Each structure stands twice: as C-alpha cells, then as structure tokens.
Amino acid sequence: MKQFILIASALCFSILFYDKQIGLNLFLFSLLSVIILAINNTDDFKSKKNIGYAGIYLATGLAVFFHDSALAIIANSISFFTLIGLLSQHKSSIYVNWLNGLYTTIAGLFHRNFTVNEAKQTVESQKEIDYVHLAKIVLIPAAIVIIFIGLYQNGNPIFNELIEKIDFGFINIQWLLFAGLGYYLFLNIHNPIVVEPATSQDLKTGNLLFKTKDFSIPILKQENQLGIILIALLNVLIVIFLITDITFILTNEEVRGSVFSNQVHSGINALIASIVIAIIILLYVFRGNLNFYKENKTVKNLAFTWIILNVILVLSIAVKNSQYIYYFGLTYKRIGVLVYLILTLTGLVTTLIKIDKTKNIWYLFRLNTKAAFVVLVIAAMINWDYHITNYNFNYAKSMDINYLIDLSDNNTLLLKEKIETKGIENKSIYRIEEKYKNYTMELYTNSWQELQYDNLKLNRR
C-alpha cells in the first residue's frame, strides 16, 4: 500500500511540475506532501503544534497561488523543511528542524538504508540486499524475451508486422525521469529522520545559565567594573545621538527626499552598530558567573537602560521612515527597514529577558530564529507589489512611476486600472500597456497547473 501511494504521488509530482511554471501546482504539491506525511506519521499529526505548522505550510503554498512572488516561494520551501524536521523531532529548536528537514529531503533514503560504522569509519548497509540476484531477475529475463521476439519475428510475418507497429514514441523519458525524482523525494520525506549528534545535543542544551565551578569573587568584581564602564559609555553615546536626532527632526522644516534618505539610512547604520556592539558586550558581560554575583545590580540596571534607549532609537527611526514613506511612497527598501526594526525590537526584548531571567545565548538564538520565521511567513502572505502600487497612487505625495512599472506582474492589473483614473504621461502609459499585454498573454496560456488568482480576476472582466 505504501509503495502504491508513493508511486501515485510521484506520477502526480511529474504531472504538476514537468515543463510547468509555478502556480497552483505548488499548493497542490504542499497538500499532497501533508497527506503523505499524515498517512505515514499518524500519531505525530495528533499534536496541535504539528497541525499548526502543517497549516502554515499550506498557507504559504496558497500564497504562491494568490501572488506568485519569490518571497512566498522561499517561505513555502522553508515551511516545508520546518514541517519535515518537526515530525522527525518535535522538541528540537526550529533551526535544528531546518537541518533535519533539509537532510531528510536530500538523503533520507540513503540514511535509512545505510549506516556509518564509527569504529571502522565505513558505510554499511542496514539491509542485506543481494544485488547479483537482483540483476539476474531483471537482466536475464529481459535478454531472453528480446531474443525470442527476434526469433518469432523471423518465423511469423504477422507477428513481425505486429511488433513493428509497436511505437514507443509516446513515452516521454524526461517526464518519467521527473516522476522518478518525485518518487525519490516522497520516499525520502515520508518517514522523516533525525540528524545526529546535532539533534540530541540541541535537546540536551537548555535555556538557563548555571553557576560554574570557577566562581571567583575577585575576578567577578573586575568583570562587573568593566561592564559598568562599557555599558555606561554606550548609554551616554546613545543619549547624545537621540538628543541630536530628535532636535534635527523638530527644527528641520524642509522636507526633501535626500534629507530623509540620509537620516533613515544613517539612523539604521547607527542602530546596527550600536546594537551589534552592545549586544556582544552584554553577552560577554553576562555570559556566566556574573549573573550570580550579588553586586551586579548596577550593571544590570545599566543594561536595562541601554535596552530602553535602543527601543526609543528604534521608534525614532520608525517615525522618520514613516515620514519618508508618507512623502515619497512605499518601496521594498523602506518596507525592509520596518521589518528590520520589528526584528530589532524582538532582539531587544529577548536580550532583556535573557539578562533578567538568567538565560543563555541559545535562548536568544532559538527565540529570534523562530521570530524571523514568523516574520517571513507573515511577509510572504502579503502581495507587496500590489500594496506598494495602491499606496503610492492613493496616498504618497510623490512617486516614481517607473519603479512601479518595474515591479513584478503582481501589480499589472492594478496599473491598468490606474491608467483610466490617474493622470499618467504617455510614455508610462505605453510601458504599462505593454506590461499588461505580455502578462495577460501569459495568463491566457497558463495550463491548469500554472493557474494563478489573476487568472480568475481576468476571467471576471
């Protein structure tokens, strides 16, 4: 039964993807993958966590159907590896899930059938397969059948005519090879595996710090003094930066693209530099026994103050970026700034928790990688090209129409609508018309595997 399901899935894989562009087929593949995983891992799918990640995977596949963006495809791929890795070991960190998922997808079959003998440093088969016998039962009957066909052709003209009429031209070797690739893929993932020792080491590593044997009051006193000086200086620098930054915003009345651009980018650079340097220092200062030193209240308070000041710095840059967007429109870089600020705030909060709750660096890594995954999935669900175009036409004080035209085809239908309602110069209208013509021709030639949501919208017109 298992082999029948895998073969049927492999044929579906080739039907969906052979010589096809990405569209509805990726969502159908996601659905097919979840069904196969659920059939072969029934107990694991009783967990709400696993069902939730399966839902995220399907949602990213559906996002590709609604807007065929590179970000949605990337999110779908990472969600696929996450789900596979989660089924292999649901208690491991998300980055270990990625490792297990990627390894299972590429080498699951070989891992299950071969093992490494650490003592002899050799690869040994886990199953005793008589390859000589296997070759005999395939090659010998095939050779004998071919010989007898030749003999019978010479002995019977009707039989010869029948054989000559047989045409294997309908067999597409590339399609069969693609189906073979699908079979290999599903054979790998149907029973997810665990990468060792990475997984076991991750399970053994907790999130808490513990006092070590080399606890020394004199050494910790020196480290505490060093931490106070360094973090205090960083606090002073950030306060000076914030004062000058806020003063500039309040006193500068002239709004120019170059001014805002320099302010946003310099603010981001300052944010990156201050956070990276200060977090490295905080991780160094609070790496071990200083967390259990009774006189560490001052350095902790300074660290909390630094985090709060950086939150203010993040908000300051968010305000400038929002002003920049208000006057000059949305772009991917400006959206990227907002995404970076969200991740930065997450990093600041987790750093505060790490210091306050005596967590280790693995806690930061685990939580922030999961936060990055969540942000990626949410971002992938949004048709950014459409919303950038819609916002710039309706709300931006000025915009770059050429930038909008150069975006992907996800905004093509909207641009066509705006031609009729907005005053656009003839050169831009011509470019939009060309883009619309090429895109609609592509939609009309889409097979059912390549269908997109825009196909449905176009049919309703």
Protein backbone atom coordinates (compact mmCIF):
# COMPACT_ATOMS: atom_id res chain seq x y z
CA MET A 1 0.00 0.00 0.00
CA LYS A 2 2.83 2.36 0.87
CA GLN A 3 4.56 1.75 -2.46
CA PHE A 4 1.31 2.37 -4.35
CA ILE A 5 0.86 5.72 -2.57
CA LEU A 6 4.45 6.74 -3.28
CA ILE A 7 4.24 5.78 -6.97
CA ALA A 8 0.92 7.58 -7.38
CA SER A 9 2.38 10.65 -5.67
CA ALA A 10 5.45 10.53 -7.93
CA LEU A 11 3.22 10.49 -11.02
CA CYS A 12 1.26 13.44 -9.59
CA PHE A 13 4.55 15.26 -8.97
CA SER A 14 5.53 14.91 -12.62
CA ILE A 15 2.06 15.95 -13.80
CA LEU A 16 2.20 19.03 -11.59
CA PHE A 17 5.71 20.27 -12.32
CA TYR A 18 7.12 18.80 -15.53
CA ASP A 19 7.65 21.65 -18.00
CA LYS A 20 5.38 23.89 -15.90
CA GLN A 21 5.82 27.22 -14.19
CA ILE A 22 5.00 27.76 -10.54
CA GLY A 23 1.35 28.46 -9.77
CA LEU A 24 -1.48 26.34 -8.39
CA ASN A 25 0.80 23.29 -8.65
CA LEU A 26 2.91 24.35 -5.65
CA PHE A 27 -0.15 24.50 -3.40
CA LEU A 28 -1.32 21.10 -4.68
CA PHE A 29 2.15 19.69 -4.02
CA SER A 30 2.03 21.14 -0.49
CA LEU A 31 -1.35 19.48 0.06
CA LEU A 32 -0.06 16.18 -1.34
CA SER A 33 3.02 16.33 0.90
CA VAL A 34 0.91 16.92 4.01
CA ILE A 35 -1.37 13.99 3.11
CA ILE A 36 1.59 11.62 2.66
CA LEU A 37 3.18 12.80 5.89
CA ALA A 38 -0.11 12.42 7.76
CA ILE A 39 -0.65 8.88 6.43
CA ASN A 40 2.83 7.73 7.45
CA ASN A 41 3.05 9.72 10.70
CA THR A 42 -0.47 9.45 12.08
CA ASP A 43 0.48 9.80 15.76
CA ASP A 44 2.55 12.94 15.11
CA PHE A 45 -0.41 14.64 13.46
CA LYS A 46 -2.42 14.32 16.65
CA SER A 47 -0.30 17.17 18.02
CA LYS A 48 -1.78 20.66 17.66
CA LYS A 49 1.73 22.04 17.13
CA ASN A 50 2.37 19.78 14.15
CA ILE A 51 -1.07 20.52 12.70
CA GLY A 52 -0.37 24.23 13.12
CA TYR A 53 2.92 24.03 11.20
CA ALA A 54 1.21 21.95 8.51
CA GLY A 55 -1.37 24.73 8.23
CA ILE A 56 1.41 27.32 7.90
CA TYR A 57 2.98 25.25 5.13
CA LEU A 58 -0.32 25.01 3.25
CA ALA A 59 -0.94 28.74 3.74
CA THR A 60 2.39 29.64 2.13
CA GLY A 61 1.52 27.37 -0.81
CA LEU A 62 -1.81 29.17 -1.15
CA ALA A 63 0.04 32.50 -1.03
CA VAL A 64 2.00 31.44 -4.11
CA PHE A 65 -1.30 30.89 -5.92
CA PHE A 66 -2.62 34.33 -4.96
CA HIS A 67 0.64 36.15 -5.75
CA ASP A 68 3.48 34.26 -7.36
CA SER A 69 6.28 36.08 -5.54
CA ALA A 70 9.80 34.88 -4.80
CA LEU A 71 9.23 35.62 -1.10
CA ALA A 72 6.18 33.33 -0.99
CA ILE A 73 8.10 30.53 -2.72
CA ILE A 74 11.01 30.89 -0.26
CA ALA A 75 8.61 30.87 2.70
CA ASN A 76 6.92 27.75 1.31
CA SER A 77 10.26 25.95 0.96
CA ILE A 78 11.39 26.86 4.48
CA SER A 79 7.97 25.87 5.89
CA PHE A 80 8.36 22.52 4.11
CA PHE A 81 11.74 21.86 5.77
CA THR A 82 10.36 23.07 9.11
CA LEU A 83 7.42 20.65 8.99
CA ILE A 84 9.62 17.70 7.97
CA GLY A 85 12.10 18.47 10.74
CA LEU A 86 9.33 18.95 13.29
CA LEU A 87 7.97 15.49 12.53
CA SER A 88 11.44 13.99 13.00
CA GLN A 89 11.79 15.53 16.48
CA HIS A 90 9.10 17.91 17.75
CA LYS A 91 11.08 19.08 20.79
CA SER A 92 14.10 20.38 18.89
CA SER A 93 14.78 24.03 18.05
CA ILE A 94 13.49 25.45 14.80
CA TYR A 95 16.97 25.73 13.25
CA VAL A 96 17.53 22.02 14.00
CA ASN A 97 14.16 21.35 12.36
CA TRP A 98 15.50 23.08 9.25
CA LEU A 99 18.62 20.90 9.35
CA ASN A 100 16.63 17.69 9.82
CA GLY A 101 14.13 18.68 7.13
CA LEU A 102 16.79 19.57 4.57
CA TYR A 103 18.81 16.42 5.28
CA THR A 104 15.72 14.21 5.12
CA THR A 105 14.68 15.72 1.79
CA ILE A 106 18.10 15.21 0.21
CA ALA A 107 19.38 11.99 1.75
CA GLY A 108 16.56 10.32 3.71
CA LEU A 109 16.61 7.13 1.61
CA PHE A 110 20.36 6.63 1.98
CA HIS A 111 20.25 7.39 5.70
CA ARG A 112 17.58 4.77 6.33
CA ASN A 113 19.33 2.09 4.29
CA PHE A 114 22.95 2.76 5.23
CA THR A 115 24.70 3.49 8.50
CA VAL A 116 28.19 4.69 9.38
CA ASN A 117 30.37 2.35 11.45
CA GLU A 118 32.26 4.83 13.65
CA ALA A 119 34.84 2.25 14.71
CA LYS A 120 35.76 1.17 11.18
CA GLN A 121 34.85 4.53 9.54
CA THR A 122 32.95 2.68 6.80
CA VAL A 123 29.43 2.87 5.40
CA GLU A 124 27.47 -0.34 5.94
CA SER A 125 24.13 -1.39 4.51
CA GLN A 126 21.37 -1.78 7.10
CA LYS A 127 19.63 -4.33 4.86
CA GLU A 128 21.25 -7.35 3.24
CA ILE A 129 20.45 -6.89 -0.46
CA ASP A 130 21.63 -9.48 -2.97
CA TYR A 131 22.43 -7.16 -5.86
CA VAL A 132 23.69 -10.03 -8.04
CA HIS A 133 20.38 -11.84 -7.70
CA LEU A 134 18.50 -8.58 -8.33
CA ALA A 135 20.46 -8.06 -11.57
CA LYS A 136 19.77 -11.65 -12.61
CA ILE A 137 16.00 -11.43 -12.22
CA VAL A 138 15.89 -8.21 -14.23
CA LEU A 139 18.50 -8.58 -16.95
CA ILE A 140 18.31 -12.29 -17.77
CA PRO A 141 14.53 -12.44 -18.40
CA ALA A 142 14.73 -9.19 -20.42
CA ALA A 143 17.55 -10.55 -22.61
CA ILE A 144 15.78 -13.87 -23.23
CA VAL A 145 12.48 -12.15 -24.10
CA ILE A 146 14.29 -9.93 -26.64
CA ILE A 147 15.97 -12.99 -28.22
CA PHE A 148 12.68 -14.84 -28.56
CA ILE A 149 10.95 -11.79 -30.04
CA GLY A 150 13.64 -11.73 -32.74
CA LEU A 151 13.19 -15.43 -33.45
CA TYR A 152 9.41 -15.19 -33.60
CA GLN A 153 9.62 -12.18 -35.93
CA ASN A 154 11.58 -14.28 -38.45
CA GLY A 155 9.19 -17.22 -38.07
CA ASN A 156 5.87 -15.42 -38.44
CA PRO A 157 5.27 -12.44 -40.77
CA ILE A 158 2.05 -11.45 -38.95
CA PHE A 159 3.86 -11.42 -35.61
CA ASN A 160 6.67 -9.41 -37.23
CA GLU A 161 4.16 -6.86 -38.54
CA LEU A 162 2.57 -6.63 -35.10
CA ILE A 163 5.94 -5.95 -33.41
CA GLU A 164 6.89 -3.33 -35.99
CA LYS A 165 3.64 -1.47 -35.38
CA ILE A 166 4.53 -1.03 -31.73
CA ASP A 167 5.55 2.62 -31.30
CA PHE A 168 7.11 3.76 -28.03
CA GLY A 169 7.29 7.35 -29.19
CA PHE A 170 4.52 8.29 -26.76
CA ILE A 171 6.89 7.56 -23.87
CA ASN A 172 8.48 10.77 -22.62
CA ILE A 173 11.76 9.80 -20.97
CA GLN A 174 12.19 13.22 -19.36
CA TRP A 175 8.67 13.00 -17.87
CA LEU A 176 9.49 9.56 -16.44
CA LEU A 177 12.78 10.84 -15.01
CA PHE A 178 10.87 13.72 -13.40
CA ALA A 179 8.44 11.20 -11.93
CA GLY A 180 11.46 9.28 -10.64
CA LEU A 181 12.66 12.45 -8.96
CA GLY A 182 9.24 12.82 -7.35
CA TYR A 183 9.34 9.21 -6.15
CA TYR A 184 12.79 9.77 -4.64
CA LEU A 185 11.56 12.95 -2.91
CA PHE A 186 8.46 11.35 -1.40
CA LEU A 187 10.41 8.23 -0.45
CA ASN A 188 12.82 10.47 1.44
CA ILE A 189 10.26 12.55 3.32
CA HIS A 190 7.51 10.02 4.10
CA ASN A 191 9.40 8.97 7.22
CA PRO A 192 11.45 11.97 8.50
CA ILE A 193 14.82 11.21 10.09
CA VAL A 194 16.99 12.79 12.76
CA VAL A 195 20.46 14.23 12.18
CA GLU A 196 22.85 13.26 14.94
CA PRO A 197 24.56 14.47 17.06
CA ALA A 198 23.07 17.89 16.29
CA THR A 199 19.53 16.95 17.41
CA SER A 200 20.48 15.16 20.64
CA GLN A 201 22.88 17.97 21.54
CA ASP A 202 20.14 20.53 20.99
CA LEU A 203 17.75 18.56 23.23
CA LYS A 204 20.38 18.38 25.97
CA THR A 205 21.07 22.12 25.84
CA GLY A 206 18.62 24.10 27.97
CA ASN A 207 17.91 27.83 28.07
CA LEU A 208 19.20 28.58 31.57
CA LEU A 209 22.64 29.58 32.82
CA PHE A 210 24.17 27.84 35.84
CA LYS A 211 26.94 28.79 38.20
CA THR A 212 30.23 27.15 37.22
CA LYS A 213 33.00 25.74 39.43
CA ASP A 214 35.42 28.61 38.71
CA PHE A 215 33.23 31.11 40.61
CA SER A 216 35.66 33.76 41.92
CA ILE A 217 34.62 36.96 43.72
CA PRO A 218 37.78 39.00 42.80
CA ILE A 219 37.51 38.12 39.12
CA LEU A 220 33.78 38.83 39.05
CA LYS A 221 34.37 42.19 40.76
CA GLN A 222 36.73 43.17 37.94
CA GLU A 223 34.29 41.98 35.27
CA ASN A 224 31.49 43.91 36.97
CA GLN A 225 33.58 47.12 36.91
CA LEU A 226 34.44 46.62 33.25
CA GLY A 227 30.80 46.01 32.37
CA ILE A 228 29.67 49.14 34.22
CA ILE A 229 32.18 51.34 32.38
CA LEU A 230 31.48 49.93 28.93
CA ILE A 231 27.68 49.89 29.16
CA ALA A 232 27.60 53.34 30.81
CA LEU A 233 29.61 54.77 27.92
CA LEU A 234 27.25 53.17 25.42
CA ASN A 235 24.31 54.72 27.26
CA VAL A 236 25.92 58.15 27.07
CA LEU A 237 26.58 57.78 23.34
CA ILE A 238 23.00 56.72 22.63
CA VAL A 239 21.57 59.58 24.70
CA ILE A 240 23.69 62.10 22.76
CA PHE A 241 22.60 60.56 19.47
CA LEU A 242 18.92 60.64 20.46
CA ILE A 243 19.08 64.27 21.59
CA THR A 244 20.68 65.41 18.34
CA ASP A 245 18.36 63.22 16.28
CA ILE A 246 15.17 64.50 17.91
CA THR A 247 16.46 68.08 17.73
CA PHE A 248 17.03 67.72 13.99
CA ILE A 249 13.53 66.32 13.42
CA LEU A 250 11.89 69.12 15.41
CA THR A 251 13.91 72.02 13.94
CA ASN A 252 14.21 70.95 10.29
CA GLU A 253 11.08 72.08 8.43
CA GLU A 254 12.29 71.43 4.89
CA VAL A 255 11.21 68.05 3.59
CA ARG A 256 13.49 66.70 0.91
CA GLY A 257 13.95 63.16 -0.30
CA SER A 258 17.72 63.29 0.10
CA VAL A 259 17.43 64.61 3.70
CA PHE A 260 15.04 61.86 4.77
CA SER A 261 17.03 59.23 2.91
CA ASN A 262 20.26 60.19 4.65
CA GLN A 263 18.55 60.37 8.01
CA VAL A 264 16.88 56.98 7.71
CA HIS A 265 19.98 55.23 6.40
CA SER A 266 22.34 56.88 8.89
CA GLY A 267 19.88 56.05 11.65
CA ILE A 268 19.78 52.43 10.58
CA ASN A 269 23.58 52.29 10.42
CA ALA A 270 23.81 53.77 13.91
CA LEU A 271 21.21 51.30 15.11
CA ILE A 272 23.03 48.35 13.60
CA ALA A 273 26.39 49.42 15.00
CA SER A 274 25.13 50.24 18.50
CA ILE A 275 23.01 47.11 18.85
CA VAL A 276 25.59 44.67 17.47
CA ILE A 277 28.41 46.08 19.59
CA ALA A 278 26.32 46.44 22.73
CA ILE A 279 24.69 43.01 22.44
CA ILE A 280 28.12 41.41 22.00
CA ILE A 281 29.27 43.24 25.13
CA LEU A 282 26.15 42.24 27.05
CA LEU A 283 26.57 38.62 26.01
CA TYR A 284 30.19 38.75 27.10
CA VAL A 285 29.48 40.50 30.40
CA PHE A 286 26.53 38.26 31.30
CA ARG A 287 27.98 35.08 29.82
CA GLY A 288 28.40 33.20 33.10
CA ASN A 289 29.02 33.68 36.79
CA LEU A 290 28.45 37.46 36.82
CA ASN A 291 24.74 36.63 36.67
CA PHE A 292 25.09 35.11 40.15
CA TYR A 293 27.30 37.89 41.59
CA LYS A 294 25.42 39.73 44.36
CA GLU A 295 26.83 43.16 43.43
CA ASN A 296 25.69 43.09 39.79
CA LYS A 297 22.60 45.28 40.21
CA THR A 298 24.27 48.39 38.79
CA VAL A 299 25.49 46.73 35.62
CA LYS A 300 22.08 45.08 35.16
CA ASN A 301 20.27 48.40 35.55
CA LEU A 302 22.63 49.98 33.03
CA ALA A 303 21.92 47.13 30.62
CA PHE A 304 18.15 47.60 31.04
CA THR A 305 18.58 51.35 30.49
CA TRP A 306 20.55 50.69 27.30
CA ILE A 307 17.77 48.42 26.01
CA ILE A 308 15.09 51.05 26.72
CA LEU A 309 17.16 53.74 24.96
CA ASN A 310 17.57 51.48 21.95
CA VAL A 311 13.81 50.99 21.87
CA ILE A 312 13.48 54.78 21.71
CA LEU A 313 16.08 54.81 18.93
CA VAL A 314 14.07 52.20 17.02
CA LEU A 315 10.90 54.28 17.40
CA SER A 316 12.75 57.40 16.24
CA ILE A 317 13.91 55.70 13.07
CA ALA A 318 10.43 54.22 12.55
CA VAL A 319 8.96 57.75 12.66
CA LYS A 320 11.48 59.04 10.09
CA ASN A 321 10.89 56.04 7.86
CA SER A 322 7.13 56.59 8.10
CA GLN A 323 7.59 60.24 7.11
CA TYR A 324 9.76 59.15 4.23
CA ILE A 325 7.03 56.73 3.08
CA TYR A 326 4.33 59.40 3.51
CA TYR A 327 6.07 61.90 1.25
CA PHE A 328 7.81 59.66 -1.28
CA GLY A 329 5.87 56.40 -1.27
CA LEU A 330 6.47 52.77 -0.43
CA THR A 331 9.44 50.81 -1.76
CA TYR A 332 10.86 47.43 -0.84
CA LYS A 333 13.83 49.07 0.90
CA ARG A 334 11.55 51.16 3.10
CA ILE A 335 9.46 48.10 3.93
CA GLY A 336 12.71 46.27 4.66
CA VAL A 337 13.60 48.98 7.19
CA LEU A 338 10.31 48.37 9.01
CA VAL A 339 10.90 44.60 9.01
CA TYR A 340 14.40 45.12 10.39
CA LEU A 341 13.02 47.38 13.14
CA ILE A 342 10.49 44.70 14.13
CA LEU A 343 13.24 42.08 14.36
CA THR A 344 15.41 44.53 16.29
CA LEU A 345 12.66 45.15 18.84
CA THR A 346 12.30 41.39 19.22
CA GLY A 347 16.05 41.10 19.79
CA LEU A 348 15.97 43.85 22.39
CA VAL A 349 13.09 42.26 24.30
CA THR A 350 14.70 38.80 24.26
CA THR A 351 18.02 40.31 25.39
CA LEU A 352 16.26 41.97 28.33
CA ILE A 353 14.61 38.65 29.25
CA LYS A 354 17.95 36.85 28.89
CA ILE A 355 19.58 39.16 31.44
CA ASP A 356 16.62 39.35 33.80
CA LYS A 357 15.82 35.61 33.80
CA THR A 358 19.43 34.36 33.58
CA LYS A 359 19.06 32.77 30.16
CA ASN A 360 21.91 31.62 27.93
CA ILE A 361 22.83 32.54 24.36
CA TRP A 362 20.93 29.52 22.99
CA TYR A 363 17.73 31.04 24.33
CA LEU A 364 18.35 34.16 22.23
CA PHE A 365 19.20 32.12 19.15
CA ARG A 366 16.16 29.86 19.45
CA LEU A 367 13.65 32.61 20.08
CA ASN A 368 14.98 35.03 17.47
CA THR A 369 15.22 32.42 14.70
CA LYS A 370 11.61 31.48 15.41
CA ALA A 371 10.64 35.16 15.32
CA ALA A 372 12.42 35.56 11.96
CA PHE A 373 10.48 32.56 10.61
CA VAL A 374 7.17 34.06 11.76
CA VAL A 375 8.01 37.41 10.15
CA LEU A 376 8.99 35.63 6.91
CA VAL A 377 5.69 33.71 6.77
CA ILE A 378 3.59 36.80 7.51
CA ALA A 379 5.50 38.84 4.90
CA ALA A 380 5.04 36.06 2.33
CA MET A 381 1.26 36.21 2.76
CA ILE A 382 1.14 39.83 1.52
CA ASN A 383 1.10 40.85 -2.13
CA TRP A 384 3.65 43.61 -1.65
CA ASP A 385 3.76 44.74 -5.28
CA TYR A 386 0.02 45.34 -5.28
CA HIS A 387 0.00 47.21 -1.96
CA ILE A 388 3.06 49.30 -2.85
CA THR A 389 1.37 50.38 -6.07
CA ASN A 390 -2.00 51.01 -4.42
CA TYR A 391 -0.48 53.07 -1.59
CA ASN A 392 1.72 55.17 -3.85
CA PHE A 393 -1.15 56.05 -6.18
CA ASN A 394 -3.60 56.87 -3.39
CA TYR A 395 -1.54 58.33 -0.54
CA ALA A 396 2.06 59.23 -1.49
CA LYS A 397 2.74 62.91 -2.07
CA SER A 398 5.05 61.99 -4.94
CA MET A 399 6.03 58.70 -6.53
CA ASP A 400 8.30 57.09 -9.08
CA ILE A 401 6.01 55.57 -11.70
CA ASN A 402 8.93 53.78 -13.39
CA TYR A 403 9.68 51.98 -10.13
CA LEU A 404 6.11 50.69 -10.01
CA ILE A 405 6.20 49.53 -13.62
CA ASP A 406 9.47 47.67 -12.99
CA LEU A 407 7.92 45.62 -10.17
CA SER A 408 6.73 42.07 -10.83
CA ASP A 409 3.50 41.22 -12.68
CA ASN A 410 1.58 41.13 -9.40
CA ASN A 411 0.63 44.80 -9.84
CA THR A 412 -0.10 44.67 -13.58
CA LEU A 413 -3.91 44.57 -13.38
CA LEU A 414 -3.91 47.40 -10.84
CA LEU A 415 -1.65 49.55 -13.03
CA LYS A 416 -4.04 49.00 -15.93
CA GLU A 417 -6.92 50.26 -13.77
CA LYS A 418 -4.96 53.34 -12.68
CA ILE A 419 -4.39 54.41 -16.29
CA GLU A 420 -8.07 55.27 -16.53
CA THR A 421 -8.29 57.18 -13.24
CA LYS A 422 -4.91 58.86 -12.78
CA GLY A 423 -3.04 61.38 -14.88
CA ILE A 424 -0.04 59.47 -16.25
CA GLU A 425 2.27 60.63 -19.01
CA ASN A 426 2.08 58.87 -22.38
CA LYS A 427 5.48 57.20 -22.11
CA SER A 428 4.47 55.50 -18.86
CA ILE A 429 1.07 54.57 -20.28
CA TYR A 430 2.77 52.83 -23.19
CA ARG A 431 5.01 50.83 -20.82
CA ILE A 432 2.01 49.83 -18.69
CA GLU A 433 0.06 48.75 -21.78
CA GLU A 434 2.99 46.60 -22.91
CA LYS A 435 3.34 45.06 -19.48
CA TYR A 436 -0.40 44.34 -19.36
CA LYS A 437 -0.39 42.80 -22.84
CA ASN A 438 2.54 40.48 -22.07
CA TYR A 439 1.12 39.45 -18.70
CA THR A 440 -2.38 38.71 -19.99
CA MET A 441 -0.92 36.64 -22.82
CA GLU A 442 0.99 34.63 -20.21
CA LEU A 443 -2.17 34.16 -18.14
CA TYR A 444 -4.19 33.01 -21.14
CA THR A 445 -1.55 30.38 -21.99
CA ASN A 446 -1.34 29.04 -18.44
CA SER A 447 -2.20 25.37 -18.03
CA TRP A 448 -4.30 24.31 -15.05
CA GLN A 449 -1.13 23.53 -13.10
CA GLU A 450 0.10 27.10 -13.61
CA LEU A 451 -3.15 28.86 -12.70
CA GLN A 452 -2.92 31.97 -10.53
CA TYR A 453 -5.51 34.08 -8.79
CA ASP A 454 -5.10 36.70 -11.53
CA ASN A 455 -6.47 34.13 -14.00
CA LEU A 456 -9.76 34.21 -12.08
CA LYS A 457 -9.75 38.01 -11.90
CA LEU A 458 -9.08 38.27 -15.63
CA ASN A 459 -11.95 35.89 -16.45
CA ARG A 460 -14.38 38.01 -14.45
CA ARG A 461 -13.66 41.08 -16.57
